Amino acid sequence: MRVEDVAARYDVSIATIWRWASETANAFPKPIQLSRGTTRWLLGELENYDAQVKADRDGSNG
């Protein structure tokens, strides 16, 4: 997925996606550089991240 698509998925700015991806303590998936100037995120990794966030949230409510 392009950075614009990832930003739309999470309803945040493109800058926020890059910040999340650059934070080492953050579990947000890292992008894959396909070539110079072409970076993409794997949908499966984003879905796994979403599932983990949901599980963490649901587990903390108990």
Protein backbone atom coordinates (compact mmCIF):
# COMPACT_ATOMS: atom_id res chain seq x y z
CA MET A 1 0.00 0.00 0.00
CA ARG A 2 1.20 3.52 -0.76
CA VAL A 3 1.76 5.91 2.14
CA GLU A 4 -1.31 7.88 1.04
CA ASP A 5 -3.42 4.73 1.31
CA VAL A 6 -2.03 3.86 4.74
CA ALA A 7 -2.70 7.40 5.98
CA ALA A 8 -6.28 7.17 4.72
CA ARG A 9 -6.71 3.75 6.36
CA TYR A 10 -5.85 5.23 9.78
CA ASP A 11 -7.32 8.69 9.10
CA VAL A 12 -4.04 10.44 9.89
CA SER A 13 -1.58 12.56 7.94
CA ILE A 14 1.19 11.16 5.78
CA ALA A 15 3.70 12.72 8.17
CA THR A 16 2.15 10.72 11.02
CA ILE A 17 2.58 7.46 9.10
CA TRP A 18 6.26 8.23 8.49
CA ARG A 19 6.70 9.17 12.17
CA TRP A 20 5.03 5.95 13.33
CA ALA A 21 7.20 3.90 10.97
CA SER A 22 10.41 5.58 12.13
CA GLU A 23 9.78 5.15 15.87
CA THR A 24 11.78 2.13 17.02
CA ALA A 25 9.64 1.57 20.11
CA ASN A 26 6.48 1.55 18.00
CA ALA A 27 5.12 -1.76 16.72
CA PHE A 28 3.76 -0.09 13.59
CA PRO A 29 4.87 -2.03 10.49
CA LYS A 30 7.94 -0.78 8.69
CA PRO A 31 7.66 -0.04 4.98
CA ILE A 32 9.46 -1.96 2.27
CA GLN A 33 11.56 0.04 -0.17
CA LEU A 34 10.97 -1.36 -3.64
CA SER A 35 13.24 1.13 -5.38
CA ARG A 36 14.53 4.64 -4.89
CA GLY A 37 11.47 6.76 -4.14
CA THR A 38 9.09 3.77 -4.07
CA THR A 39 8.07 2.53 -0.64
CA ARG A 40 5.10 0.34 0.21
CA TRP A 41 3.47 -1.31 3.21
CA LEU A 42 2.25 -4.90 3.14
CA LEU A 43 -1.48 -5.16 3.75
CA GLY A 44 -1.02 -8.36 5.76
CA GLU A 45 1.38 -6.63 8.14
CA LEU A 46 -1.06 -3.76 8.64
CA GLU A 47 -3.88 -6.23 9.31
CA ASN A 48 -1.71 -8.07 11.85
CA TYR A 49 -0.90 -4.75 13.52
CA ASP A 50 -4.61 -3.88 13.67
CA ALA A 51 -5.41 -7.27 15.21
CA GLN A 52 -2.67 -6.84 17.83
CA VAL A 53 -3.88 -3.35 18.75
CA LYS A 54 -7.43 -4.69 19.09
CA ALA A 55 -6.27 -7.63 21.22
CA ASP A 56 -4.22 -5.34 23.46
CA ARG A 57 -7.17 -2.98 23.85
CA ASP A 58 -9.66 -5.76 24.54
CA GLY A 59 -7.29 -7.44 27.01
CA SER A 60 -6.79 -4.25 28.98
CA ASN A 61 -10.55 -3.83 29.49
CA GLY A 62 -10.89 -7.09 31.43
